[in-house]
């Protein structure tokens, strides 16, 4: 579980670094031509999208574990759905990840079929 906390924290730190770095680059006029500025924006958008996916996928196991701990804490550990989640926590996590990945794939295919990109 520690690795998912670390991944979530690193993605948030990445967002902060991207924000600060982008502000510094823009204010210092380091990227002077419009073409270079467009390229830098494009790269930053893809990096931000990757960080967003990392945060989204790494937070799922944390929320499942938090939900289970909360249910156990309030005394619902003997209920069948909670017992099922406790027994198959890893498989539920993989199922949610698979569901999210399929949804992402469908969205990306639809986006590319319309001729869009992440920057539109």
PDB file of N, CA and C in Angstrom:
ATOM      1  N   UNK A   1       0.822  -1.187   0.000  1.00  0.00           N
ATOM      2  CA  UNK A   1       0.000   0.000   0.000  1.00  0.00           C
ATOM      3  C   UNK A   1       0.869   1.256   0.000  1.00  0.00           C
ATOM      4  N   UNK A   2       2.070   1.131   0.575  1.00  0.00           N
ATOM      5  CA  UNK A   2       2.957   2.285   0.640  1.00  0.00           C
ATOM      6  C   UNK A   2       3.357   2.774  -0.751  1.00  0.00           C
ATOM      7  N   UNK A   3       3.473   1.832  -1.696  1.00  0.00           N
ATOM      8  CA  UNK A   3       3.870   2.246  -3.046  1.00  0.00           C
ATOM      9  C   UNK A   3       2.782   3.083  -3.707  1.00  0.00           C
ATOM     10  N   UNK A   4       1.513   2.816  -3.397  1.00  0.00           N
ATOM     11  CA  UNK A   4       0.439   3.609  -3.986  1.00  0.00           C
ATOM     12  C   UNK A   4       0.369   4.994  -3.356  1.00  0.00           C
ATOM     13  N   UNK A   5       0.643   5.063  -2.060  1.00  0.00           N
ATOM     14  CA  UNK A   5       0.722   6.373  -1.404  1.00  0.00           C
ATOM     15  C   UNK A   5       1.869   7.175  -2.007  1.00  0.00           C
ATOM     16  N   UNK A   6       2.995   6.512  -2.220  1.00  0.00           N
ATOM     17  CA  UNK A   6       4.155   7.184  -2.806  1.00  0.00           C
ATOM     18  C   UNK A   6       3.857   7.658  -4.234  1.00  0.00           C
ATOM     19  N   UNK A   7       3.209   6.807  -5.039  1.00  0.00           N
ATOM     20  CA  UNK A   7       2.875   7.206  -6.407  1.00  0.00           C
ATOM     21  C   UNK A   7       1.908   8.389  -6.435  1.00  0.00           C
ATOM     22  N   UNK A   8       0.907   8.361  -5.558  1.00  0.00           N
ATOM     23  CA  UNK A   8      -0.042   9.472  -5.495  1.00  0.00           C
ATOM     24  C   UNK A   8       0.666  10.757  -5.066  1.00  0.00           C
ATOM     25  N   UNK A   9       1.530  10.652  -4.056  1.00  0.00           N
ATOM     26  CA  UNK A   9       2.266  11.833  -3.597  1.00  0.00           C
ATOM     27  C   UNK A   9       3.212  12.352  -4.675  1.00  0.00           C
ATOM     28  N   UNK A  10       3.859  11.443  -5.398  1.00  0.00           N
ATOM     29  CA  UNK A  10       4.758  11.871  -6.474  1.00  0.00           C
ATOM     30  C   UNK A  10       3.997  12.541  -7.614  1.00  0.00           C
ATOM     31  N   UNK A  11       2.801  12.069  -7.903  1.00  0.00           N
ATOM     32  CA  UNK A  11       2.037  12.707  -8.976  1.00  0.00           C
ATOM     33  C   UNK A  11       1.589  14.112  -8.559  1.00  0.00           C
ATOM     34  N   UNK A  12       1.198  14.268  -7.305  1.00  0.00           N
ATOM     35  CA  UNK A  12       0.832  15.612  -6.820  1.00  0.00           C
ATOM     36  C   UNK A  12       2.061  16.514  -6.833  1.00  0.00           C
ATOM     37  N   UNK A  13       3.196  15.992  -6.395  1.00  0.00           N
ATOM     38  CA  UNK A  13       4.443  16.767  -6.433  1.00  0.00           C
ATOM     39  C   UNK A  13       4.814  17.103  -7.875  1.00  0.00           C
ATOM     40  N   UNK A  14       4.561  16.165  -8.791  1.00  0.00           N
ATOM     41  CA  UNK A  14       4.816  16.431 -10.209  1.00  0.00           C
ATOM     42  C   UNK A  14       3.953  17.550 -10.741  1.00  0.00           C
ATOM     43  N   UNK A  15       2.681  17.576 -10.331  1.00  0.00           N
ATOM     44  CA  UNK A  15       1.801  18.679 -10.732  1.00  0.00           C
ATOM     45  C   UNK A  15       2.324  20.011 -10.216  1.00  0.00           C
ATOM     46  N   UNK A  16       2.763  20.026  -8.960  1.00  0.00           N
ATOM     47  CA  UNK A  16       3.303  21.265  -8.396  1.00  0.00           C
ATOM     48  C   UNK A  16       4.572  21.696  -9.124  1.00  0.00           C
ATOM     49  N   UNK A  17       5.458  20.748  -9.399  1.00  0.00           N
ATOM     50  CA  UNK A  17       6.697  21.065 -10.111  1.00  0.00           C
ATOM     51  C   UNK A  17       6.394  21.545 -11.527  1.00  0.00           C
ATOM     52  N   UNK A  18       5.426  20.920 -12.168  1.00  0.00           N
ATOM     53  CA  UNK A  18       5.042  21.339 -13.519  1.00  0.00           C
ATOM     54  C   UNK A  18       4.483  22.759 -13.507  1.00  0.00           C
ATOM     55  N   UNK A  19       3.684  23.059 -12.505  1.00  0.00           N
ATOM     56  CA  UNK A  19       3.113  24.392 -12.389  1.00  0.00           C
ATOM     57  C   UNK A  19       4.192  25.441 -12.121  1.00  0.00           C
ATOM     58  N   UNK A  20       5.057  25.166 -11.169  1.00  0.00           N
ATOM     59  CA  UNK A  20       6.126  26.115 -10.839  1.00  0.00           C
ATOM     60  C   UNK A  20       7.101  26.249 -11.997  1.00  0.00           C
ATOM     61  N   UNK A  21       7.512  25.106 -12.567  1.00  0.00           N
ATOM     62  CA  UNK A  21       8.450  25.142 -13.691  1.00  0.00           C
ATOM     63  C   UNK A  21       7.871  25.857 -14.902  1.00  0.00           C
ATOM     64  N   UNK A  22       6.607  25.609 -15.198  1.00  0.00           N
ATOM     65  CA  UNK A  22       5.972  26.294 -16.322  1.00  0.00           C
ATOM     66  C   UNK A  22       5.897  27.788 -16.106  1.00  0.00           C
ATOM     67  N   UNK A  23       5.582  28.180 -14.884  1.00  0.00           N
ATOM     68  CA  UNK A  23       5.543  29.612 -14.571  1.00  0.00           C
ATOM     69  C   UNK A  23       6.904  30.270 -14.697  1.00  0.00           C
ATOM     70  N   UNK A  24       7.934  29.576 -14.221  1.00  0.00           N
ATOM     71  CA  UNK A  24       9.288  30.124 -14.329  1.00  0.00           C
ATOM     72  C   UNK A  24       9.742  30.219 -15.783  1.00  0.00           C
ATOM     73  N   UNK A  25       9.442  29.190 -16.549  1.00  0.00           N
ATOM     74  CA  UNK A  25       9.836  29.196 -17.961  1.00  0.00           C
ATOM     75  C   UNK A  25       9.115  30.315 -18.708  1.00  0.00           C
ATOM     76  N   UNK A  26       7.833  30.474 -18.423  1.00  0.00           N
ATOM     77  CA  UNK A  26       7.073  31.510 -19.122  1.00  0.00           C
ATOM     78  C   UNK A  26       7.502  32.913 -18.707  1.00  0.00           C
ATOM     79  N   UNK A  27       7.758  33.107 -17.412  1.00  0.00           N
ATOM     80  CA  UNK A  27       8.127  34.450 -16.955  1.00  0.00           C
ATOM     81  C   UNK A  27       9.539  34.847 -17.360  1.00  0.00           C
ATOM     82  N   UNK A  28      10.415  33.861 -17.535  1.00  0.00           N
ATOM     83  CA  UNK A  28      11.795  34.192 -17.887  1.00  0.00           C
ATOM     84  C   UNK A  28      12.002  34.319 -19.389  1.00  0.00           C
ATOM     85  N   UNK A  29      10.950  34.119 -20.174  1.00  0.00           N
ATOM     86  CA  UNK A  29      11.030  34.187 -21.632  1.00  0.00           C
ATOM     87  C   UNK A  29      12.070  33.210 -22.177  1.00  0.00           C
ATOM     88  N   UNK A  30      12.229  32.089 -21.508  1.00  0.00           N
ATOM     89  CA  UNK A  30      13.186  31.082 -21.938  1.00  0.00           C
ATOM     90  C   UNK A  30      12.777  30.484 -23.278  1.00  0.00           C
ATOM     91  N   UNK A  31      11.482  30.357 -23.483  1.00  0.00           N
ATOM     92  CA  UNK A  31      10.948  29.878 -24.755  1.00  0.00           C
ATOM     93  C   UNK A  31      10.417  31.105 -25.481  1.00  0.00           C
ATOM     94  N   UNK A  32      11.175  31.556 -26.481  1.00  0.00           N
ATOM     95  CA  UNK A  32      10.863  32.858 -27.069  1.00  0.00           C
ATOM     96  C   UNK A  32      10.008  32.781 -28.326  1.00  0.00           C
ATOM     97  N   UNK A  33      10.201  31.800 -29.163  1.00  0.00           N
ATOM     98  CA  UNK A  33       9.444  31.754 -30.414  1.00  0.00           C
ATOM     99  C   UNK A  33       8.080  31.097 -30.178  1.00  0.00           C
ATOM    100  N   UNK A  34       7.086  31.485 -30.947  1.00  0.00           N
ATOM    101  CA  UNK A  34       5.752  30.884 -30.783  1.00  0.00           C
ATOM    102  C   UNK A  34       5.733  29.374 -31.055  1.00  0.00           C
ATOM    103  N   UNK A  35       6.561  28.932 -31.992  1.00  0.00           N
ATOM    104  CA  UNK A  35       6.602  27.501 -32.282  1.00  0.00           C
ATOM    105  C   UNK A  35       7.160  26.724 -31.091  1.00  0.00           C
ATOM    106  N   UNK A  36       8.223  27.258 -30.493  1.00  0.00           N
ATOM    107  CA  UNK A  36       8.816  26.597 -29.328  1.00  0.00           C
ATOM    108  C   UNK A  36       7.857  26.637 -28.139  1.00  0.00           C
ATOM    109  N   UNK A  37       7.113  27.732 -28.014  1.00  0.00           N
ATOM    110  CA  UNK A  37       6.142  27.839 -26.936  1.00  0.00           C
ATOM    111  C   UNK A  37       5.014  26.826 -27.114  1.00  0.00           C
ATOM    112  N   UNK A  38       4.551  26.651 -28.351  1.00  0.00           N
ATOM    113  CA  UNK A  38       3.522  25.651 -28.623  1.00  0.00           C
ATOM    114  C   UNK A  38       4.038  24.245 -28.324  1.00  0.00           C
ATOM    115  N   UNK A  39       5.284  23.970 -28.699  1.00  0.00           N
ATOM    116  CA  UNK A  39       5.880  22.661 -28.437  1.00  0.00           C
ATOM    117  C   UNK A  39       6.006  22.415 -26.929  1.00  0.00           C
ATOM    118  N   UNK A  40       6.440  23.434 -26.179  1.00  0.00           N
ATOM    119  CA  UNK A  40       6.570  23.306 -24.729  1.00  0.00           C
ATOM    120  C   UNK A  40       5.205  23.080 -24.080  1.00  0.00           C
ATOM    121  N   UNK A  41       4.178  23.795 -24.551  1.00  0.00           N
ATOM    122  CA  UNK A  41       2.831  23.596 -24.021  1.00  0.00           C
ATOM    123  C   UNK A  41       2.328  22.187 -24.314  1.00  0.00           C
ATOM    124  N   UNK A  42       2.639  21.699 -25.512  1.00  0.00           N
ATOM    125  CA  UNK A  42       2.220  20.354 -25.897  1.00  0.00           C
ATOM    126  C   UNK A  42       2.866  19.308 -24.991  1.00  0.00           C
ATOM    127  N   UNK A  43       4.146  19.462 -24.763  1.00  0.00           N
ATOM    128  CA  UNK A  43       4.856  18.512 -23.901  1.00  0.00           C
ATOM    129  C   UNK A  43       4.299  18.560 -22.484  1.00  0.00           C
ATOM    130  N   UNK A  44       4.060  19.754 -21.979  1.00  0.00           N
ATOM    131  CA  UNK A  44       3.546  19.894 -20.618  1.00  0.00           C
ATOM    132  C   UNK A  44       2.139  19.318 -20.482  1.00  0.00           C
ATOM    133  N   UNK A  45       1.320  19.441 -21.517  1.00  0.00           N
ATOM    134  CA  UNK A  45      -0.027  18.865 -21.470  1.00  0.00           C
ATOM    135  C   UNK A  45       0.042  17.341 -21.402  1.00  0.00           C
ATOM    136  N   UNK A  46       0.925  16.737 -22.180  1.00  0.00           N
ATOM    137  CA  UNK A  46       1.061  15.284 -22.137  1.00  0.00           C
ATOM    138  C   UNK A  46       1.621  14.816 -20.795  1.00  0.00           C
ATOM    139  N   UNK A  47       2.554  15.557 -20.240  1.00  0.00           N
ATOM    140  CA  UNK A  47       3.096  15.209 -18.928  1.00  0.00           C
ATOM    141  C   UNK A  47       2.004  15.346 -17.864  1.00  0.00           C
ATOM    142  N   UNK A  48       1.219  16.420 -17.938  1.00  0.00           N
ATOM    143  CA  UNK A  48       0.135  16.617 -16.976  1.00  0.00           C
ATOM    144  C   UNK A  48      -0.910  15.513 -17.101  1.00  0.00           C
ATOM    145  N   UNK A  49      -1.219  15.086 -18.318  1.00  0.00           N
ATOM    146  CA  UNK A  49      -2.169  14.003 -18.515  1.00  0.00           C
ATOM    147  C   UNK A  49      -1.640  12.700 -17.928  1.00  0.00           C
ATOM    148  N   UNK A  50      -0.357  12.440 -18.128  1.00  0.00           N
ATOM    149  CA  UNK A  50       0.261  11.255 -17.536  1.00  0.00           C
ATOM    150  C   UNK A  50       0.233  11.297 -16.015  1.00  0.00           C
ATOM    151  N   UNK A  51       0.499  12.459 -15.434  1.00  0.00           N
ATOM    152  CA  UNK A  51       0.435  12.601 -13.979  1.00  0.00           C
ATOM    153  C   UNK A  51      -0.996  12.410 -13.473  1.00  0.00           C
ATOM    154  N   UNK A  52      -1.959  12.916 -14.238  1.00  0.00           N
ATOM    155  CA  UNK A  52      -3.367  12.738 -13.880  1.00  0.00           C
ATOM    156  C   UNK A  52      -3.741  11.255 -13.873  1.00  0.00           C
ATOM    157  N   UNK A  53      -3.297  10.524 -14.886  1.00  0.00           N
ATOM    158  CA  UNK A  53      -3.573   9.085 -14.937  1.00  0.00           C
ATOM    159  C   UNK A  53      -2.886   8.356 -13.787  1.00  0.00           C
ATOM    160  N   UNK A  54      -1.652   8.734 -13.497  1.00  0.00           N
ATOM    161  CA  UNK A  54      -0.925   8.124 -12.388  1.00  0.00           C
ATOM    162  C   UNK A  54      -1.659   8.352 -11.070  1.00  0.00           C
ATOM    163  N   UNK A  55      -2.113   9.567 -10.853  1.00  0.00           N
ATOM    164  CA  UNK A  55      -2.850   9.872  -9.628  1.00  0.00           C
ATOM    165  C   UNK A  55      -4.158   9.088  -9.576  1.00  0.00           C
ATOM    166  N   UNK A  56      -4.887   9.069 -10.678  1.00  0.00           N
ATOM    167  CA  UNK A  56      -6.166   8.369 -10.704  1.00  0.00           C
ATOM    168  C   UNK A  56      -6.036   6.879 -10.455  1.00  0.00           C
ATOM    169  N   UNK A  57      -5.052   6.255 -11.084  1.00  0.00           N
ATOM    170  CA  UNK A  57      -4.890   4.815 -10.924  1.00  0.00           C
ATOM    171  C   UNK A  57      -4.260   4.447  -9.585  1.00  0.00           C
ATOM    172  N   UNK A  58      -3.431   5.317  -9.019  1.00  0.00           N
ATOM    173  CA  UNK A  58      -2.786   4.982  -7.753  1.00  0.00           C
ATOM    174  C   UNK A  58      -3.688   5.253  -6.556  1.00  0.00           C
ATOM    175  N   UNK A  59      -4.709   6.057  -6.737  1.00  0.00           N
ATOM    176  CA  UNK A  59      -5.566   6.383  -5.600  1.00  0.00           C
ATOM    177  C   UNK A  59      -6.676   5.351  -5.396  1.00  0.00           C
ATOM    178  N   UNK A  60      -6.957   4.534  -6.413  1.00  0.00           N
ATOM    179  CA  UNK A  60      -8.001   3.520  -6.305  1.00  0.00           C
ATOM    180  C   UNK A  60      -7.721   2.523  -5.169  1.00  0.00           C
ATOM    181  N   UNK A  61      -6.523   1.925  -5.088  1.00  0.00           N
ATOM    182  CA  UNK A  61      -6.277   1.007  -3.963  1.00  0.00           C
ATOM    183  C   UNK A  61      -6.369   1.690  -2.605  1.00  0.00           C
ATOM    184  N   UNK A  62      -5.977   2.956  -2.543  1.00  0.00           N
ATOM    185  CA  UNK A  62      -6.051   3.682  -1.283  1.00  0.00           C
ATOM    186  C   UNK A  62      -7.493   3.875  -0.849  1.00  0.00           C
ATOM    187  N   UNK A  63      -8.370   4.219  -1.789  1.00  0.00           N
ATOM    188  CA  UNK A  63      -9.776   4.412  -1.456  1.00  0.00           C
ATOM    189  C   UNK A  63     -10.454   3.095  -1.082  1.00  0.00           C
ATOM    190  N   UNK A  64     -10.103   2.015  -1.774  1.00  0.00           N
ATOM    191  CA  UNK A  64     -10.671   0.716  -1.420  1.00  0.00           C
ATOM    192  C   UNK A  64     -10.258   0.342  -0.006  1.00  0.00           C
ATOM    193  N   UNK A  65      -8.975   0.501   0.313  1.00  0.00           N
ATOM    194  CA  UNK A  65      -8.487   0.171   1.659  1.00  0.00           C
ATOM    195  C   UNK A  65      -9.111   1.090   2.703  1.00  0.00           C
ATOM    196  N   UNK A  66      -9.225   2.384   2.393  1.00  0.00           N
ATOM    197  CA  UNK A  66      -9.842   3.324   3.325  1.00  0.00           C
ATOM    198  C   UNK A  66     -11.302   2.958   3.571  1.00  0.00           C
ATOM    199  N   UNK A  67     -12.019   2.592   2.520  1.00  0.00           N
ATOM    200  CA  UNK A  67     -13.413   2.181   2.651  1.00  0.00           C
ATOM    201  C   UNK A  67     -13.522   0.941   3.539  1.00  0.00           C
ATOM    202  N   UNK A  68     -12.677  -0.051   3.289  1.00  0.00           N
ATOM    203  CA  UNK A  68     -12.724  -1.271   4.094  1.00  0.00           C
ATOM    204  C   UNK A  68     -12.394  -1.002   5.561  1.00  0.00           C
ATOM    205  N   UNK A  69     -11.364  -0.207   5.801  1.00  0.00           N
ATOM    206  CA  UNK A  69     -10.992   0.108   7.190  1.00  0.00           C
ATOM    207  C   UNK A  69     -12.121   0.862   7.888  1.00  0.00           C
ATOM    208  N   UNK A  70     -12.767   1.761   7.177  1.00  0.00           N
ATOM    209  CA  UNK A  70     -13.896   2.488   7.757  1.00  0.00           C
ATOM    210  C   UNK A  70     -15.066   1.580   8.077  1.00  0.00           C
ATOM    211  N   UNK A  71     -15.360   0.641   7.185  1.00  0.00           N
ATOM    212  CA  UNK A  71     -16.454  -0.295   7.430  1.00  0.00           C
ATOM    213  C   UNK A  71     -16.150  -1.213   8.607  1.00  0.00           C
ATOM    214  N   UNK A  72     -14.916  -1.643   8.710  1.00  0.00           N
ATOM    215  CA  UNK A  72     -14.523  -2.487   9.839  1.00  0.00           C
ATOM    216  C   UNK A  72     -14.592  -1.684  11.135  1.00  0.00           C
ATOM    217  N   UNK A  73     -14.172  -0.440  11.075  1.00  0.00           N
ATOM    218  CA  UNK A  73     -14.157   0.422  12.254  1.00  0.00           C
ATOM    219  C   UNK A  73     -15.568   0.666  12.801  1.00  0.00           C
ATOM    220  N   UNK A  74     -16.556   0.822  11.912  1.00  0.00           N
ATOM    221  CA  UNK A  74     -17.927   1.070  12.379  1.00  0.00           C
ATOM    222  C   UNK A  74     -18.662  -0.226  12.703  1.00  0.00           C
ATOM    223  N   UNK A  75     -18.019  -1.381  12.502  1.00  0.00           N
ATOM    224  CA  UNK A  75     -18.613  -2.639  12.914  1.00  0.00           C
ATOM    225  C   UNK A  75     -19.331  -3.409  11.824  1.00  0.00           C
ATOM    226  N   UNK A  76     -19.030  -3.144  10.591  1.00  0.00           N
ATOM    227  CA  UNK A  76     -19.690  -3.835   9.485  1.00  0.00           C
ATOM    228  C   UNK A  76     -18.841  -4.957   8.894  1.00  0.00           C
ATOM    229  N   UNK A  77     -17.868  -5.450   9.627  1.00  0.00           N
ATOM    230  CA  UNK A  77     -16.948  -6.450   9.084  1.00  0.00           C
ATOM    231  C   UNK A  77     -17.617  -7.785   8.809  1.00  0.00           C
ATOM    232  N   UNK A  78     -18.744  -8.059   9.463  1.00  0.00           N
ATOM    233  CA  UNK A  78     -19.387  -9.359   9.283  1.00  0.00           C
ATOM    234  C   UNK A  78     -20.352  -9.397   8.102  1.00  0.00           C
ATOM    235  N   UNK A  79     -20.596  -8.273   7.455  1.00  0.00           N
ATOM    236  CA  UNK A  79     -21.507  -8.256   6.313  1.00  0.00           C
ATOM    237  C   UNK A  79     -20.837  -8.866   5.081  1.00  0.00           C
ATOM    238  N   UNK A  80     -21.597  -9.645   4.297  1.00  0.00           N
ATOM    239  CA  UNK A  80     -21.002 -10.356   3.152  1.00  0.00           C
ATOM    240  C   UNK A  80     -20.279  -9.467   2.133  1.00  0.00           C
ATOM    241  N   UNK A  81     -20.813  -8.289   1.756  1.00  0.00           N
ATOM    242  CA  UNK A  81     -20.055  -7.485   0.783  1.00  0.00           C
ATOM    243  C   UNK A  81     -18.693  -7.024   1.319  1.00  0.00           C
ATOM    244  N   UNK A  82     -18.640  -6.726   2.601  1.00  0.00           N
ATOM    245  CA  UNK A  82     -17.374  -6.281   3.201  1.00  0.00           C
ATOM    246  C   UNK A  82     -16.413  -7.461   3.303  1.00  0.00           C
ATOM    247  N   UNK A  83     -16.929  -8.634   3.669  1.00  0.00           N
ATOM    248  CA  UNK A  83     -16.086  -9.824   3.705  1.00  0.00           C
ATOM    249  C   UNK A  83     -15.560 -10.165   2.318  1.00  0.00           C
ATOM    250  N   UNK A  84     -16.411 -10.004   1.308  1.00  0.00           N
ATOM    251  CA  UNK A  84     -15.983 -10.251  -0.075  1.00  0.00           C
ATOM    252  C   UNK A  84     -14.855  -9.302  -0.462  1.00  0.00           C
ATOM    253  N   UNK A  85     -15.032  -8.026  -0.155  1.00  0.00           N
ATOM    254  CA  UNK A  85     -13.996  -7.043  -0.487  1.00  0.00           C
ATOM    255  C   UNK A  85     -12.699  -7.318   0.278  1.00  0.00           C
ATOM    256  N   UNK A  86     -12.819  -7.747   1.511  1.00  0.00           N
ATOM    257  CA  UNK A  86     -11.616  -8.074   2.274  1.00  0.00           C
ATOM    258  C   UNK A  86     -10.888  -9.261   1.659  1.00  0.00           C
ATOM    259  N   UNK A  87     -11.649 -10.264   1.261  1.00  0.00           N
ATOM    260  CA  UNK A  87     -11.048 -11.471   0.721  1.00  0.00           C
ATOM    261  C   UNK A  87     -10.451 -11.246  -0.658  1.00  0.00           C
ATOM    262  N   UNK A  88     -11.118 -10.436  -1.482  1.00  0.00           N
ATOM    263  CA  UNK A  88     -10.710 -10.252  -2.876  1.00  0.00           C
ATOM    264  C   UNK A  88     -10.315  -8.801  -3.173  1.00  0.00           C
ATOM    265  N   UNK A  89      -9.678  -8.159  -2.225  1.00  0.00           N
ATOM    266  CA  UNK A  89      -9.307  -6.744  -2.403  1.00  0.00           C
ATOM    267  C   UNK A  89      -8.411  -6.538  -3.620  1.00  0.00           C
ATOM    268  N   UNK A  90      -7.444  -7.404  -3.799  1.00  0.00           N
ATOM    269  CA  UNK A  90      -6.511  -7.260  -4.926  1.00  0.00           C
ATOM    270  C   UNK A  90      -7.232  -7.443  -6.261  1.00  0.00           C
ATOM    271  N   UNK A  91      -8.120  -8.409  -6.338  1.00  0.00           N
ATOM    272  CA  UNK A  91      -8.849  -8.663  -7.576  1.00  0.00           C
ATOM    273  C   UNK A  91      -9.834  -7.527  -7.876  1.00  0.00           C
ATOM    274  N   UNK A  92     -10.444  -6.974  -6.843  1.00  0.00           N
ATOM    275  CA  UNK A  92     -11.344  -5.829  -7.039  1.00  0.00           C
ATOM    276  C   UNK A  92     -10.555  -4.638  -7.564  1.00  0.00           C
ATOM    277  N   UNK A  93      -9.370  -4.434  -7.006  1.00  0.00           N
ATOM    278  CA  UNK A  93      -8.511  -3.348  -7.479  1.00  0.00           C
ATOM    279  C   UNK A  93      -8.190  -3.525  -8.962  1.00  0.00           C
ATOM    280  N   UNK A  94      -7.803  -4.734  -9.358  1.00  0.00           N
ATOM    281  CA  UNK A  94      -7.483  -4.990 -10.760  1.00  0.00           C
ATOM    282  C   UNK A  94      -8.719  -4.818 -11.642  1.00  0.00           C
ATOM    283  N   UNK A  95      -9.879  -5.212 -11.129  1.00  0.00           N
ATOM    284  CA  UNK A  95     -11.117  -5.038 -11.886  1.00  0.00           C
ATOM    285  C   UNK A  95     -11.453  -3.572 -12.117  1.00  0.00           C
ATOM    286  N   UNK A  96     -11.276  -2.756 -11.080  1.00  0.00           N
ATOM    287  CA  UNK A  96     -11.530  -1.315 -11.236  1.00  0.00           C
ATOM    288  C   UNK A  96     -10.524  -0.707 -12.201  1.00  0.00           C
ATOM    289  N   UNK A  97      -9.267  -1.105 -12.082  1.00  0.00           N
ATOM    290  CA  UNK A  97      -8.246  -0.606 -13.013  1.00  0.00           C
ATOM    291  C   UNK A  97      -8.568  -1.008 -14.450  1.00  0.00           C
ATOM    292  N   UNK A  98      -9.000  -2.244 -14.638  1.00  0.00           N
ATOM    293  CA  UNK A  98      -9.361  -2.707 -15.978  1.00  0.00           C
ATOM    294  C   UNK A  98     -10.537  -1.909 -16.524  1.00  0.00           C
ATOM    295  N   UNK A  99     -11.534  -1.685 -15.693  1.00  0.00           N
ATOM    296  CA  UNK A  99     -12.696  -0.892 -16.097  1.00  0.00           C
ATOM    297  C   UNK A  99     -12.273   0.521 -16.502  1.00  0.00           C
ATOM    298  N   UNK A 100     -11.394   1.135 -15.712  1.00  0.00           N
ATOM    299  CA  UNK A 100     -10.914   2.478 -16.032  1.00  0.00           C
ATOM    300  C   UNK A 100     -10.074   2.484 -17.307  1.00  0.00           C
ATOM    301  N   UNK A 101      -9.249   1.464 -17.490  1.00  0.00           N
ATOM    302  CA  UNK A 101      -8.395   1.388 -18.677  1.00  0.00           C
ATOM    303  C   UNK A 101      -9.237   1.198 -19.940  1.00  0.00           C
ATOM    304  N   UNK A 102     -10.268   0.375 -19.852  1.00  0.00           N
ATOM    305  CA  UNK A 102     -11.152   0.192 -21.011  1.00  0.00           C
ATOM    306  C   UNK A 102     -11.863   1.503 -21.335  1.00  0.00           C
ATOM    307  N   UNK A 103     -12.352   2.183 -20.316  1.00  0.00           N
ATOM    308  CA  UNK A 103     -12.988   3.485 -20.536  1.00  0.00           C
ATOM    309  C   UNK A 103     -12.029   4.496 -21.140  1.00  0.00           C
ATOM    310  N   UNK A 104     -10.788   4.508 -20.665  1.00  0.00           N
ATOM    311  CA  UNK A 104      -9.780   5.403 -21.225  1.00  0.00           C
ATOM    312  C   UNK A 104      -9.502   5.062 -22.679  1.00  0.00           C
ATOM    313  N   UNK A 105      -9.392   3.766 -22.965  1.00  0.00           N
ATOM    314  CA  UNK A 105      -9.157   3.344 -24.347  1.00  0.00           C
ATOM    315  C   UNK A 105     -10.291   3.742 -25.270  1.00  0.00           C
ATOM    316  N   UNK A 106     -11.530   3.560 -24.831  1.00  0.00           N
ATOM    317  CA  UNK A 106     -12.682   3.957 -25.641  1.00  0.00           C
ATOM    318  C   UNK A 106     -12.685   5.460 -25.861  1.00  0.00           C
ATOM    319  N   UNK A 107     -12.393   6.218 -24.810  1.00  0.00           N
ATOM    320  CA  UNK A 107     -12.372   7.678 -24.939  1.00  0.00           C
ATOM    321  C   UNK A 107     -11.269   8.138 -25.891  1.00  0.00           C
ATOM    322  N   UNK A 108     -10.082   7.546 -25.777  1.00  0.00           N
ATOM    323  CA  UNK A 108      -8.986   7.938 -26.658  1.00  0.00           C
ATOM    324  C   UNK A 108      -9.268   7.566 -28.111  1.00  0.00           C
ATOM    325  N   UNK A 109      -9.854   6.385 -28.332  1.00  0.00           N
ATOM    326  CA  UNK A 109     -10.209   5.999 -29.702  1.00  0.00           C
ATOM    327  C   UNK A 109     -11.246   6.937 -30.293  1.00  0.00           C
ATOM    328  N   UNK A 110     -12.238   7.278 -29.497  1.00  0.00           N
ATOM    329  CA  UNK A 110     -13.247   8.225 -29.972  1.00  0.00           C
ATOM    330  C   UNK A 110     -12.667   9.604 -30.234  1.00  0.00           C
ATOM    331  N   UNK A 111     -11.756  10.011 -29.385  1.00  0.00           N
ATOM    332  CA  UNK A 111     -11.124  11.318 -29.560  1.00  0.00           C
ATOM    333  C   UNK A 111     -10.287  11.342 -30.832  1.00  0.00           C
ATOM    334  N   UNK A 112      -9.509  10.278 -31.055  1.00  0.00           N
ATOM    335  CA  UNK A 112      -8.666  10.230 -32.240  1.00  0.00           C
ATOM    336  C   UNK A 112      -9.500  10.065 -33.509  1.00  0.00           C
ATOM    337  N   UNK A 113     -10.627   9.366 -33.409  1.00  0.00           N
ATOM    338  CA  UNK A 113     -11.494   9.207 -34.581  1.00  0.00           C
ATOM    339  C   UNK A 113     -12.095  10.546 -34.995  1.00  0.00           C
ATOM    340  N   UNK A 114     -12.319  11.429 -34.034  1.00  0.00           N
ATOM    341  CA  UNK A 114     -12.835  12.772 -34.338  1.00  0.00           C
ATOM    342  C   UNK A 114     -11.737  13.721 -34.793  1.00  0.00           C
ATOM    343  N   UNK A 115     -10.502  13.263 -34.785  1.00  0.00           N
ATOM    344  CA  UNK A 115      -9.391  14.112 -35.196  1.00  0.00           C
ATOM    345  C   UNK A 115      -8.904  15.036 -34.113  1.00  0.00           C
ATOM    346  N   UNK A 116      -9.233  14.747 -32.860  1.00  0.00           N
ATOM    347  CA  UNK A 116      -8.809  15.577 -31.755  1.00  0.00           C
ATOM    348  C   UNK A 116      -7.507  15.060 -31.171  1.00  0.00           C
ATOM    349  N   UNK A 117      -6.945  15.861 -30.305  1.00  0.00           N
ATOM    350  CA  UNK A 117      -5.801  15.427 -29.530  1.00  0.00           C
ATOM    351  C   UNK A 117      -6.005  15.895 -28.105  1.00  0.00           C
ATOM    352  N   UNK A 118      -5.049  15.643 -27.250  1.00  0.00           N
ATOM    353  CA  UNK A 118      -5.167  16.087 -25.863  1.00  0.00           C
ATOM    354  C   UNK A 118      -5.176  17.596 -25.741  1.00  0.00           C
ATOM    355  N   UNK A 119      -4.704  18.260 -26.750  1.00  0.00           N
ATOM    356  CA  UNK A 119      -4.544  19.716 -26.673  1.00  0.00           C
ATOM    357  C   UNK A 119      -5.758  20.489 -27.169  1.00  0.00           C
ATOM    358  N   UNK A 120      -6.718  19.811 -27.771  1.00  0.00           N
ATOM    359  CA  UNK A 120      -7.885  20.515 -28.300  1.00  0.00           C
ATOM    360  C   UNK A 120      -8.876  20.852 -27.210  1.00  0.00           C
TER     361      UNK A 120
END
